[in-house]
Every structure is written in structure tokens, then in C-alpha cells.
Amino acid sequence: MNTTTESAVTEAELAAGRRAYELDREHVFHSWSAQKQIKPMTVIRAEGSHVWDGEGRKLLDFSSQLVNTNIGHQHPKVVAAIQEQAGKLCTIAPQYVNDARSEAARLVSELTPGNLDTVFFTNGGADAIEHAVRMARLHTGRYKVLSAYRSYHGGTALAVNVTGDPRRIPNDYGTAGTVHFHAPFLYRSQFHATTEQEECRRALDHLESIIQLEGPSAFAAVVLESIPGTAGIMVPPPGYLAGVRELTRRYGIMFIADEVMAGFGRSGKWFAVEHGGDVVPDLLTFAKGVNSGYVPLGGVAISDEIAATFADTAYPGGLTYSGHPLACAAAVATIGAMREEGMVENAARLGDAVFGPGLAEIAARHQSVGEVRGTGAFWAIELVKNRQTREPLAPYGGSSPEMNTLIAACKDRGLLPFANFNRLHVVPPLNVTDEEARTGLDIIDDVLGIADTFVTG
């Protein structure tokens, strides 16, 4: 844990923040935003489970930024590892061996399930998806890719087309070879299911039907978030991941498990696919939590079978910064800190002892809560205007004045939330203390009193 002694925010920090904001608004182009309609929050300091905004307010970070600072901010062991690596070797071209990359690859291979023992490093999650799909296409000689509608896989050209959520639509020209299907989500079932067992069976039947109607021999891969993240933290029902694995084997399709957000302890296991039992994908993509985002890093863990395809045939792909020494040194230190401090186990305990029970109590108190769901330090609160009709508090693919009011109320009370569409997500660092976790839940409980005033029936 971070042991830095907290000091008061200084006027110099506030002045620097004001200057940063001015320059940002003059020169910085923000992602996923209409540039003139945003007022981005300035962050002048971060430590542990907290950030400080441009006004000097201390906020409990229940977003882990983009659900990536799994070890919290400024962890001293990782900061020290980056500093040490910078003093030894800041950068080197990827064709050369360096000890940070070699050790990071060993550690990732040690943690991934099955025979995913070869690692191709990327700069983040989107290009991990790009390369995983490329590997599957080259390995199979097929082109089309299956992915779920409620999913997010990245913002690059192919990754955003593999994505199922509405951010895909303005970028979708129908040429990416992607085919989408409905994954299980019992609360908003597409299959008229009333139980998890029904939802699982019908979702698998639906997926097989899509494969058959589109032509099994056309598909290189199924790309699936082991637990969808931004799309809503819908934990798959028992048997679903194993069922997908069986279908992909039956039809000779590669199974790509997207663990960019759910991996590295977020779900209470090192990888969320482990919740599905003895399920080993052909390729596994990761990023975010591998080094808590301290230096950009992602990667693809590759099965022995697919790696063998490129044993004597060159893989046609690469990145200038693949396996960057600073990023890999941060990954080595992050994995070490997570093991030494039991962070994955702590995430599992928090889910069982704090977040699960606490959110269930919150749901019972507030008519605006349609459902709470999740595992580990990975939870979603589905907000509705009407529990019977399940009308969401914001439309799918958009926000609403009501949701904006709730987000502002969270910040006013000292909580930095993660919100998407009609949901608040509870996704703090894995080493958040019990006291901090309960403080965050108390703030959400208070704010949902406002949400209840928006309920219409």
C-alpha cells in the first residue's frame, strides 16, 4: 500500500492545475467527446485510493480511472521500479532482448490458464485485440469474427468494429468482417428467459444458430469479454463460458478471451475466465491492470498451437514500443506487489464481505435500483425509473440530466464515480481498505436518495 504521508494541497499545485486546464482547453483534443461541450476535471495529485481535483478537493476514486489502477495510485514499489528501470534502460527496439520484457512475459505466462505460454506485448488493449484477431485469421485462414452486442473491445479501426456498444455505429462501414450476437444478460434478456439456466442455454443456442446461418467455415474467432466491463459487468451464468469454448472447438473457431478490464484481479481471480471453470481460450488479451496503467502496456497471451503457426512463418505485425522496458518493469513490480500484498484475494473478500452485501442492502432501500451485480471489486448498479417496466434512468447509448445530477452529487460528496449510460459502477482499487469501501458505499447510498426522486412508478 502507499505509505506516503499526505500533505495539504498547496497554492502552487492549484496554480499549476489552473494553467493545465487553460492549456488543455486550448490545445488538447479529448476522446469520445464534443470538444466545446465538455469541462474536464483537472487532477493535480493522486495517492492510493484518492485523487485531488483542480479545486483541491480530495475524492475517493471508485472508478480506478478507466478501471485500470488496480493497485491504486502512486504505489511506491512500482514507482521505484520505473525509476530504477529508467536509470538502467529507458527504451530499446523490440527486436532486442531486455530483462524487463523477459521477466514480464514469464510472469504473465505463469498466471494465464492452460498453455498460454507465449506473450506478444502491445501498447494497450485495443491493439491487443487487433493483433489477437490478426493471429486468429492467419492461423485459421478465415476472416469473419463474432462478438457480443453489449461489449467494448477498443477504439482502433478493427477493435471498435468488434465492439458491440453504440460507439461502434459511427465507425461501422460494414467492411470489418464482424458479426454480432446477444450474450446472456438475464435482467434484460433477449431470450425471454426467467432463470440463469434458461438464459445460458438459449444464449448458447442463439450463438450456434448465428454460426450456422453465417457459415461456420467463415469464422476465425469469437471475441468475448470474460465478464463484460463498460457494457455493464454482466457476470456470465454458470456454464456459458464453457459452452462457448465447446462451440468454438466444434466449429474450428478460435476463442479470444478479452481480459483487458476484467483481468489481473479485478473479478477476485487473476483472470475472469477462471470463473467459468476449466476454460482455456486460444488467445487472451490483457492491458490495464497488468501494470495498473502506470506506463501504457497490453498484450496477447498465445496458445502453443497458434504460436506454432508462426514458428517458421513470419508473423506480419509489430509495434515500435512492443515490450517497452519501462512498461514491463512496471508490470513486473505490479504483479509482485499484488502477490505480496494479497490484492487478488482482497478483491475476492471485498466482493463477498463488503460490496455484495452492502450493495444488496442499498438495492433494498432504493426504488431506483433495478439490479446490482458483480464479483470481486467489479460491480454495477442498474438504475431505473420504474422497477416493473425496467425503464432505464438514461437511454442505452446515452446519458440523461438525471444521471448527470447523480454524478455531480457523488463528486460533491467526495466520490469519483464510474458511470455509463444508466449505471454506476463500483470499481475501486483492489487494495482499497474496508473503511474506504464502506465510505464509498455510504456516499452512493446517500446519492441514490436523489435517484429515487426520479422514479415514476
Protein backbone atom coordinates (compact mmCIF):
# COMPACT_ATOMS: atom_id res chain seq x y z
CA MET A 1 0.00 0.00 0.00
CA ASN A 2 1.02 3.58 -0.45
CA THR A 3 2.78 4.85 2.63
CA THR A 4 3.37 8.45 1.54
CA THR A 5 2.39 10.96 4.22
CA GLU A 6 -0.41 13.11 2.89
CA SER A 7 0.21 16.87 2.86
CA ALA A 8 -2.11 19.77 2.25
CA VAL A 9 -2.66 20.90 -1.31
CA THR A 10 -0.51 23.96 -1.95
CA GLU A 11 -1.31 27.13 -3.85
CA ALA A 12 1.44 26.21 -6.29
CA GLU A 13 -0.37 22.94 -7.10
CA LEU A 14 -3.65 24.79 -7.57
CA ALA A 15 -1.99 27.37 -9.82
CA ALA A 16 -0.37 24.62 -11.88
CA GLY A 17 -3.78 22.96 -12.20
CA ARG A 18 -5.38 26.18 -13.45
CA ARG A 19 -2.62 26.59 -16.02
CA ALA A 20 -3.01 22.96 -17.11
CA TYR A 21 -6.74 23.47 -17.60
CA GLU A 22 -6.20 26.57 -19.74
CA LEU A 23 -3.70 24.76 -21.95
CA ASP A 24 -5.94 21.70 -22.15
CA ARG A 25 -8.90 23.70 -23.39
CA GLU A 26 -6.69 25.49 -25.92
CA HIS A 27 -4.76 22.52 -27.33
CA VAL A 28 -5.98 19.07 -26.21
CA PHE A 29 -8.44 17.02 -28.26
CA HIS A 30 -10.44 14.71 -25.98
CA SER A 31 -11.67 11.22 -26.88
CA TRP A 32 -15.37 10.34 -27.23
CA SER A 33 -16.35 14.00 -26.72
CA ALA A 34 -17.84 17.01 -28.44
CA GLN A 35 -14.96 19.34 -27.71
CA LYS A 36 -16.90 22.52 -26.89
CA GLN A 37 -19.39 20.76 -24.65
CA ILE A 38 -17.03 19.38 -22.01
CA LYS A 39 -15.44 20.75 -18.85
CA PRO A 40 -12.88 18.07 -17.99
CA MET A 41 -11.91 17.69 -14.35
CA THR A 42 -8.31 18.60 -13.54
CA VAL A 43 -6.34 16.16 -11.38
CA ILE A 44 -3.43 17.75 -9.53
CA ARG A 45 -2.50 14.81 -7.30
CA ALA A 46 -3.24 11.13 -6.78
CA GLU A 47 -2.31 8.75 -3.99
CA GLY A 48 -3.63 5.33 -3.01
CA SER A 49 -7.40 5.27 -3.46
CA HIS A 50 -7.74 9.05 -3.83
CA VAL A 51 -7.29 11.87 -6.32
CA TRP A 52 -7.37 15.63 -5.82
CA ASP A 53 -9.16 17.82 -8.33
CA GLY A 54 -8.24 21.28 -9.59
CA GLU A 55 -10.01 22.92 -6.66
CA GLY A 56 -8.05 20.85 -4.16
CA ARG A 57 -10.96 18.53 -3.29
CA LYS A 58 -9.99 15.04 -2.19
CA LEU A 59 -12.07 12.38 -3.96
CA LEU A 60 -12.29 8.66 -3.23
CA ASP A 61 -11.56 7.04 -6.59
CA PHE A 62 -14.34 4.48 -7.10
CA SER A 63 -13.59 4.40 -10.83
CA SER A 64 -9.95 3.28 -10.73
CA GLN A 65 -9.82 5.85 -13.55
CA LEU A 66 -10.80 3.66 -16.51
CA VAL A 67 -10.92 0.58 -14.26
CA ASN A 68 -7.17 0.17 -14.63
CA THR A 69 -5.45 1.47 -11.49
CA ASN A 70 -5.94 -1.89 -9.79
CA ILE A 71 -3.16 -1.25 -7.24
CA GLY A 72 -4.19 2.35 -6.65
CA HIS A 73 -2.24 5.50 -7.39
CA GLN A 74 1.49 6.00 -6.88
CA HIS A 75 2.23 2.60 -5.38
CA PRO A 76 5.78 3.06 -4.05
CA LYS A 77 7.08 -0.33 -5.23
CA VAL A 78 6.00 0.30 -8.81
CA VAL A 79 7.16 3.90 -8.83
CA ALA A 80 10.57 2.74 -7.59
CA ALA A 81 10.74 0.02 -10.26
CA ILE A 82 10.04 2.55 -13.02
CA GLN A 83 12.68 4.89 -11.63
CA GLU A 84 15.22 2.08 -11.40
CA GLN A 85 14.50 0.91 -14.94
CA ALA A 86 14.75 4.47 -16.28
CA GLY A 87 18.21 4.72 -14.77
CA LYS A 88 19.26 1.47 -16.46
CA LEU A 89 17.50 1.25 -19.83
CA CYS A 90 14.69 3.64 -20.81
CA THR A 91 13.90 2.13 -24.18
CA ILE A 92 15.13 -0.37 -26.73
CA ALA A 93 13.76 -1.65 -30.04
CA PRO A 94 11.56 -4.74 -29.72
CA GLN A 95 13.87 -6.99 -31.73
CA TYR A 96 16.37 -6.91 -28.87
CA VAL A 97 16.06 -8.93 -25.68
CA ASN A 98 15.70 -6.96 -22.47
CA ASP A 99 15.32 -8.37 -18.98
CA ALA A 100 12.19 -6.40 -18.06
CA ARG A 101 10.24 -7.78 -21.01
CA SER A 102 11.51 -11.32 -20.50
CA GLU A 103 10.52 -11.35 -16.84
CA ALA A 104 7.13 -9.75 -17.52
CA ALA A 105 6.41 -12.41 -20.15
CA ARG A 106 7.39 -15.16 -17.72
CA LEU A 107 5.10 -13.80 -15.02
CA VAL A 108 2.12 -13.36 -17.36
CA SER A 109 2.62 -16.89 -18.71
CA GLU A 110 2.74 -18.19 -15.15
CA LEU A 111 -0.62 -16.60 -14.35
CA THR A 112 -2.62 -17.32 -17.51
CA PRO A 113 -4.62 -20.54 -17.72
CA GLY A 114 -3.55 -23.61 -19.66
CA ASN A 115 -0.85 -23.44 -22.31
CA LEU A 116 -0.99 -19.70 -23.00
CA ASP A 117 2.76 -19.57 -22.57
CA THR A 118 3.86 -17.07 -25.25
CA VAL A 119 3.24 -13.33 -24.95
CA PHE A 120 3.14 -10.62 -27.61
CA PHE A 121 3.26 -7.22 -25.94
CA THR A 122 1.27 -4.25 -27.25
CA ASN A 123 0.73 -0.68 -26.08
CA GLY A 124 -2.79 -1.23 -24.77
CA GLY A 125 -5.99 -3.21 -25.01
CA ALA A 126 -7.25 -2.09 -28.41
CA ASP A 127 -4.12 -3.12 -30.27
CA ALA A 128 -4.06 -6.35 -28.26
CA ILE A 129 -7.48 -7.12 -29.78
CA GLU A 130 -6.25 -6.08 -33.24
CA HIS A 131 -3.31 -8.48 -33.04
CA ALA A 132 -5.28 -11.33 -31.46
CA VAL A 133 -7.78 -11.20 -34.32
CA ARG A 134 -4.96 -11.00 -36.85
CA MET A 135 -3.31 -14.07 -35.32
CA ALA A 136 -6.62 -15.99 -35.37
CA ARG A 137 -7.24 -15.06 -39.00
CA LEU A 138 -3.77 -16.11 -40.10
CA HIS A 139 -3.92 -19.32 -38.06
CA THR A 140 -7.31 -20.41 -39.40
CA GLY A 141 -7.23 -18.90 -42.88
CA ARG A 142 -10.69 -17.48 -42.15
CA TYR A 143 -11.84 -13.87 -41.89
CA LYS A 144 -15.10 -13.23 -40.03
CA VAL A 145 -15.20 -12.51 -36.29
CA LEU A 146 -18.06 -12.96 -33.82
CA SER A 147 -18.55 -10.66 -30.82
CA ALA A 148 -21.34 -9.62 -28.48
CA TYR A 149 -23.57 -6.57 -28.85
CA ARG A 150 -23.08 -5.40 -25.27
CA SER A 151 -19.30 -5.26 -25.37
CA TYR A 152 -16.35 -2.92 -25.69
CA HIS A 153 -13.05 -4.02 -27.21
CA GLY A 154 -11.22 -0.78 -28.06
CA GLY A 155 -11.22 2.33 -30.21
CA THR A 156 -8.92 1.40 -33.10
CA ALA A 157 -10.34 0.54 -36.52
CA LEU A 158 -10.91 -3.18 -36.10
CA ALA A 159 -11.37 -3.16 -32.32
CA VAL A 160 -14.18 -0.61 -32.49
CA ASN A 161 -15.95 -2.75 -35.09
CA VAL A 162 -15.55 -5.83 -32.91
CA THR A 163 -17.09 -3.68 -30.15
CA GLY A 164 -20.83 -4.09 -29.82
CA ASP A 165 -21.86 -0.98 -27.94
CA PRO A 166 -23.10 2.18 -29.72
CA ARG A 167 -19.62 3.68 -30.04
CA ARG A 168 -19.18 1.26 -32.93
CA ILE A 169 -22.00 2.71 -35.01
CA PRO A 170 -20.38 5.92 -36.38
CA ASN A 171 -17.28 3.88 -37.28
CA ASP A 172 -19.06 0.88 -38.81
CA TYR A 173 -18.85 0.70 -42.61
CA GLY A 174 -19.73 -2.98 -42.83
CA THR A 175 -16.30 -3.99 -44.11
CA ALA A 176 -14.58 -5.30 -40.96
CA GLY A 177 -15.89 -8.86 -41.17
CA THR A 178 -17.58 -8.60 -37.79
CA VAL A 179 -20.83 -10.34 -36.85
CA HIS A 180 -22.55 -9.59 -33.55
CA PHE A 181 -24.68 -11.76 -31.28
CA HIS A 182 -26.55 -11.45 -27.99
CA ALA A 183 -24.63 -12.68 -24.94
CA PRO A 184 -26.52 -13.63 -21.76
CA PHE A 185 -27.93 -10.78 -19.65
CA LEU A 186 -30.88 -12.07 -17.66
CA TYR A 187 -32.06 -8.67 -16.36
CA ARG A 188 -32.63 -7.51 -19.95
CA SER A 189 -32.96 -10.93 -21.56
CA GLN A 190 -33.24 -11.14 -25.34
CA PHE A 191 -34.39 -14.73 -24.96
CA HIS A 192 -37.47 -14.35 -22.70
CA ALA A 193 -35.63 -16.35 -20.06
CA THR A 194 -36.67 -16.36 -16.41
CA THR A 195 -33.70 -18.23 -14.90
CA GLU A 196 -29.94 -18.20 -15.36
CA GLN A 197 -30.13 -21.76 -16.67
CA GLU A 198 -32.64 -20.77 -19.36
CA GLU A 199 -30.63 -17.67 -20.25
CA CYS A 200 -27.44 -19.69 -20.61
CA ARG A 201 -28.97 -22.43 -22.77
CA ARG A 202 -30.86 -20.03 -25.02
CA ALA A 203 -27.85 -17.73 -25.43
CA LEU A 204 -25.70 -20.68 -26.49
CA ASP A 205 -28.41 -21.90 -28.90
CA HIS A 206 -28.58 -18.38 -30.34
CA LEU A 207 -24.82 -18.22 -30.83
CA GLU A 208 -24.74 -21.61 -32.54
CA SER A 209 -27.59 -20.53 -34.80
CA ILE A 210 -25.67 -17.41 -35.84
CA ILE A 211 -22.59 -19.53 -36.59
CA GLN A 212 -24.63 -21.94 -38.71
CA LEU A 213 -26.57 -19.25 -40.59
CA GLU A 214 -23.44 -17.22 -41.36
CA GLY A 215 -21.41 -20.30 -42.27
CA PRO A 216 -19.10 -21.99 -39.75
CA SER A 217 -16.15 -22.12 -42.13
CA ALA A 218 -16.17 -18.33 -42.40
CA PHE A 219 -15.29 -17.60 -38.79
CA ALA A 220 -11.77 -17.12 -37.48
CA ALA A 221 -12.68 -16.19 -33.91
CA VAL A 222 -15.23 -15.49 -31.22
CA VAL A 223 -14.10 -12.47 -29.19
CA LEU A 224 -15.73 -12.34 -25.77
CA GLU A 225 -15.14 -10.31 -22.62
CA SER A 226 -14.93 -12.94 -19.88
CA ILE A 227 -17.01 -10.51 -17.82
CA PRO A 228 -18.18 -7.50 -19.85
CA GLY A 229 -16.89 -4.31 -18.25
CA THR A 230 -18.02 -0.94 -19.59
CA ALA A 231 -21.06 -2.67 -21.10
CA GLY A 232 -22.43 -3.44 -17.65
CA ILE A 233 -20.50 -6.07 -15.64
CA MET A 234 -22.83 -8.91 -16.57
CA VAL A 235 -21.25 -11.98 -14.96
CA PRO A 236 -21.99 -14.90 -17.32
CA PRO A 237 -24.30 -17.56 -15.94
CA PRO A 238 -22.73 -20.89 -14.93
CA GLY A 239 -21.84 -22.95 -17.96
CA TYR A 240 -21.84 -20.15 -20.52
CA LEU A 241 -18.09 -19.71 -21.00
CA ALA A 242 -17.62 -23.47 -21.10
CA GLY A 243 -20.42 -23.66 -23.66
CA VAL A 244 -18.78 -21.04 -25.86
CA ARG A 245 -15.49 -22.93 -25.60
CA GLU A 246 -17.24 -26.13 -26.71
CA LEU A 247 -18.89 -24.40 -29.69
CA THR A 248 -15.63 -22.88 -30.86
CA ARG A 249 -13.94 -26.28 -30.72
CA ARG A 250 -16.83 -27.90 -32.57
CA TYR A 251 -16.57 -25.46 -35.47
CA GLY A 252 -12.82 -24.89 -35.52
CA ILE A 253 -13.14 -21.28 -34.36
CA MET A 254 -10.57 -19.61 -32.13
CA PHE A 255 -11.79 -18.36 -28.74
CA ILE A 256 -10.33 -14.97 -27.80
CA ALA A 257 -10.95 -14.05 -24.15
CA ASP A 258 -10.81 -10.28 -23.68
CA GLU A 259 -9.43 -9.74 -20.17
CA VAL A 260 -8.39 -6.12 -20.70
CA MET A 261 -10.66 -4.80 -17.94
CA ALA A 262 -11.67 -7.92 -16.03
CA GLY A 263 -8.17 -9.38 -15.78
CA PHE A 264 -5.42 -9.07 -13.20
CA GLY A 265 -7.53 -9.50 -10.12
CA ARG A 266 -10.45 -7.19 -10.83
CA SER A 267 -13.01 -10.03 -10.55
CA GLY A 268 -11.41 -11.64 -7.49
CA LYS A 269 -9.39 -14.06 -9.63
CA TRP A 270 -6.28 -13.35 -11.69
CA PHE A 271 -8.39 -13.73 -14.84
CA ALA A 272 -12.17 -13.60 -15.04
CA VAL A 273 -12.31 -16.59 -17.38
CA GLU A 274 -11.42 -18.68 -14.32
CA HIS A 275 -14.96 -18.10 -13.04
CA GLY A 276 -16.12 -20.29 -15.92
CA GLY A 277 -14.32 -23.36 -14.64
CA ASP A 278 -11.64 -25.18 -16.59
CA VAL A 279 -11.95 -22.91 -19.66
CA VAL A 280 -8.78 -22.18 -21.61
CA PRO A 281 -9.08 -19.80 -24.57
CA ASP A 282 -6.85 -19.90 -27.64
CA LEU A 283 -5.82 -16.29 -27.15
CA LEU A 284 -6.18 -13.97 -24.16
CA THR A 285 -5.85 -10.19 -24.38
CA PHE A 286 -4.81 -8.05 -21.42
CA ALA A 287 -3.82 -4.47 -20.56
CA LYS A 288 -4.98 -2.04 -17.83
CA GLY A 289 -4.37 -3.97 -14.59
CA VAL A 290 -1.18 -5.68 -15.79
CA ASN A 291 0.72 -2.65 -14.51
CA SER A 292 -2.15 -0.51 -13.22
CA GLY A 293 -1.76 1.83 -16.18
CA TYR A 294 1.41 3.39 -14.80
CA VAL A 295 3.04 3.06 -18.23
CA PRO A 296 0.96 2.00 -21.28
CA LEU A 297 1.09 -1.78 -21.81
CA GLY A 298 -1.09 -4.53 -23.20
CA GLY A 299 -0.59 -7.90 -24.74
CA VAL A 300 -1.81 -11.17 -26.17
CA ALA A 301 -1.17 -14.47 -24.42
CA ILE A 302 -0.94 -17.10 -27.15
CA SER A 303 -1.63 -20.84 -27.05
CA ASP A 304 1.08 -23.25 -28.10
CA GLU A 305 -0.98 -24.27 -31.14
CA ILE A 306 -1.26 -20.75 -32.50
CA ALA A 307 2.33 -19.88 -31.60
CA ALA A 308 3.44 -22.89 -33.67
CA THR A 309 1.82 -21.34 -36.76
CA PHE A 310 4.49 -18.66 -36.66
CA ALA A 311 7.44 -20.89 -35.73
CA ASP A 312 8.77 -20.96 -39.31
CA THR A 313 6.47 -18.39 -40.90
CA ALA A 314 7.00 -14.74 -40.02
CA TYR A 315 4.19 -13.03 -38.12
CA PRO A 316 3.27 -9.96 -40.19
CA GLY A 317 2.87 -7.46 -37.38
CA GLY A 318 4.75 -5.44 -34.82
CA LEU A 319 4.90 -2.27 -32.75
CA THR A 320 7.79 0.10 -32.11
CA TYR A 321 7.09 0.03 -28.38
CA SER A 322 6.22 -3.67 -28.01
CA GLY A 323 7.51 -4.77 -24.62
CA HIS A 324 8.76 -1.30 -23.68
CA PRO A 325 11.23 -1.66 -20.79
CA LEU A 326 9.58 0.95 -18.55
CA ALA A 327 6.14 -0.58 -19.08
CA CYS A 328 7.37 -4.12 -18.50
CA ALA A 329 9.33 -3.14 -15.39
CA ALA A 330 6.10 -1.63 -14.07
CA ALA A 331 4.29 -4.90 -14.85
CA VAL A 332 6.88 -6.99 -13.02
CA ALA A 333 6.62 -4.73 -9.97
CA THR A 334 2.82 -4.63 -10.14
CA ILE A 335 2.43 -8.40 -10.26
CA GLY A 336 4.94 -8.70 -7.43
CA ALA A 337 3.09 -6.16 -5.28
CA MET A 338 -0.25 -7.81 -5.98
CA ARG A 339 1.10 -11.17 -4.87
CA GLU A 340 2.96 -9.89 -1.82
CA GLU A 341 0.00 -7.87 -0.59
CA GLY A 342 -2.70 -10.41 -1.48
CA MET A 343 -4.64 -7.97 -3.63
CA VAL A 344 -6.49 -10.57 -5.70
CA GLU A 345 -7.57 -12.34 -2.54
CA ASN A 346 -8.56 -8.97 -1.06
CA ALA A 347 -10.72 -8.21 -4.09
CA ALA A 348 -12.50 -11.55 -3.68
CA ARG A 349 -13.01 -10.91 0.05
CA LEU A 350 -14.30 -7.39 -0.58
CA GLY A 351 -16.83 -8.77 -3.04
CA ASP A 352 -18.07 -11.38 -0.61
CA ALA A 353 -17.94 -9.41 2.63
CA VAL A 354 -18.39 -5.73 1.71
CA PHE A 355 -19.61 -4.96 -1.83
CA GLY A 356 -22.01 -7.85 -2.32
CA PRO A 357 -23.87 -7.47 0.99
CA GLY A 358 -23.58 -3.67 1.02
CA LEU A 359 -24.99 -3.27 -2.47
CA ALA A 360 -27.79 -5.73 -1.73
CA GLU A 361 -28.80 -3.58 1.25
CA ILE A 362 -28.64 -0.44 -0.91
CA ALA A 363 -30.82 -2.08 -3.57
CA ALA A 364 -33.41 -2.99 -0.95
CA ARG A 365 -33.60 0.65 0.21
CA HIS A 366 -33.88 2.38 -3.17
CA GLN A 367 -36.65 2.05 -5.75
CA SER A 368 -34.28 3.50 -8.35
CA VAL A 369 -32.10 0.38 -8.24
CA GLY A 370 -33.23 -2.26 -10.69
CA GLU A 371 -30.38 -4.66 -10.07
CA VAL A 372 -26.91 -4.91 -8.56
CA ARG A 373 -24.48 -7.46 -9.98
CA GLY A 374 -20.81 -8.26 -9.95
CA THR A 375 -17.95 -10.04 -8.25
CA GLY A 376 -14.71 -9.08 -6.53
CA ALA A 377 -14.12 -5.33 -6.94
CA PHE A 378 -16.23 -5.27 -10.11
CA TRP A 379 -19.87 -4.26 -9.59
CA ALA A 380 -22.65 -2.43 -11.42
CA ILE A 381 -25.76 -0.68 -10.11
CA GLU A 382 -28.51 -0.64 -12.76
CA LEU A 383 -30.66 2.47 -12.25
CA VAL A 384 -34.24 2.61 -13.46
CA LYS A 385 -37.20 4.95 -13.46
CA ASN A 386 -39.60 2.06 -12.93
CA ARG A 387 -38.77 -1.34 -11.47
CA GLN A 388 -41.71 -3.02 -13.17
CA THR A 389 -41.03 -1.79 -16.70
CA ARG A 390 -37.26 -1.58 -16.09
CA GLU A 391 -37.14 1.73 -17.95
CA PRO A 392 -33.51 2.87 -17.59
CA LEU A 393 -32.56 6.17 -15.96
CA ALA A 394 -30.67 7.01 -19.15
CA PRO A 395 -31.15 5.56 -22.62
CA TYR A 396 -28.89 2.81 -23.91
CA GLY A 397 -26.02 4.58 -25.64
CA GLY A 398 -26.54 7.93 -23.93
CA SER A 399 -26.74 9.88 -20.71
CA SER A 400 -29.52 11.94 -19.15
CA PRO A 401 -29.96 15.00 -16.91
CA GLU A 402 -30.81 12.60 -14.08
CA MET A 403 -27.56 10.67 -14.43
CA ASN A 404 -25.56 13.89 -14.70
CA THR A 405 -27.16 15.06 -11.46
CA LEU A 406 -26.12 11.85 -9.70
CA ILE A 407 -22.53 12.05 -10.97
CA ALA A 408 -22.25 15.65 -9.76
CA ALA A 409 -23.73 14.67 -6.39
CA CYS A 410 -21.15 11.91 -5.98
CA LYS A 411 -18.32 14.36 -6.60
CA ASP A 412 -19.84 16.93 -4.25
CA ARG A 413 -19.79 14.28 -1.51
CA GLY A 414 -16.18 13.28 -2.18
CA LEU A 415 -16.57 10.30 -4.54
CA LEU A 416 -15.22 9.98 -8.07
CA PRO A 417 -17.67 7.56 -9.75
CA PHE A 418 -17.57 5.45 -12.89
CA ALA A 419 -20.81 5.89 -14.79
CA ASN A 420 -22.00 4.57 -18.14
CA PHE A 421 -25.48 5.04 -19.60
CA ASN A 422 -27.89 4.25 -16.72
CA ARG A 423 -25.33 2.61 -14.44
CA LEU A 424 -22.98 3.45 -11.62
CA HIS A 425 -20.08 1.02 -11.37
CA VAL A 426 -18.31 0.18 -8.13
CA VAL A 427 -14.74 -0.45 -9.28
CA PRO A 428 -12.21 0.89 -6.74
CA PRO A 429 -8.57 -0.26 -6.48
CA LEU A 430 -8.18 -3.85 -5.33
CA ASN A 431 -6.29 -2.69 -2.24
CA VAL A 432 -8.96 -0.24 -1.12
CA THR A 433 -9.44 -0.55 2.63
CA ASP A 434 -12.67 -1.80 4.15
CA GLU A 435 -13.22 1.64 5.65
CA GLU A 436 -12.77 3.33 2.28
CA ALA A 437 -15.03 0.78 0.59
CA ARG A 438 -17.80 1.36 3.11
CA THR A 439 -17.36 5.14 2.86
CA GLY A 440 -17.87 4.89 -0.89
CA LEU A 441 -20.97 2.76 -0.48
CA ASP A 442 -22.35 5.22 2.08
CA ILE A 443 -21.94 8.07 -0.39
CA ILE A 444 -23.66 6.07 -3.13
CA ASP A 445 -26.46 5.20 -0.68
CA ASP A 446 -26.94 8.90 0.04
CA VAL A 447 -26.86 9.89 -3.64
CA LEU A 448 -29.41 7.24 -4.59
CA GLY A 449 -31.87 9.11 -2.41
CA ILE A 450 -31.79 11.68 -5.20
CA ALA A 451 -32.19 8.94 -7.81
CA ASP A 452 -35.34 7.79 -6.04
CA THR A 453 -36.96 11.17 -6.74
CA PHE A 454 -36.74 10.35 -10.48
CA VAL A 455 -38.74 7.12 -10.09
CA THR A 456 -42.09 7.29 -11.90
CA GLY A 457 -43.76 4.17 -10.66
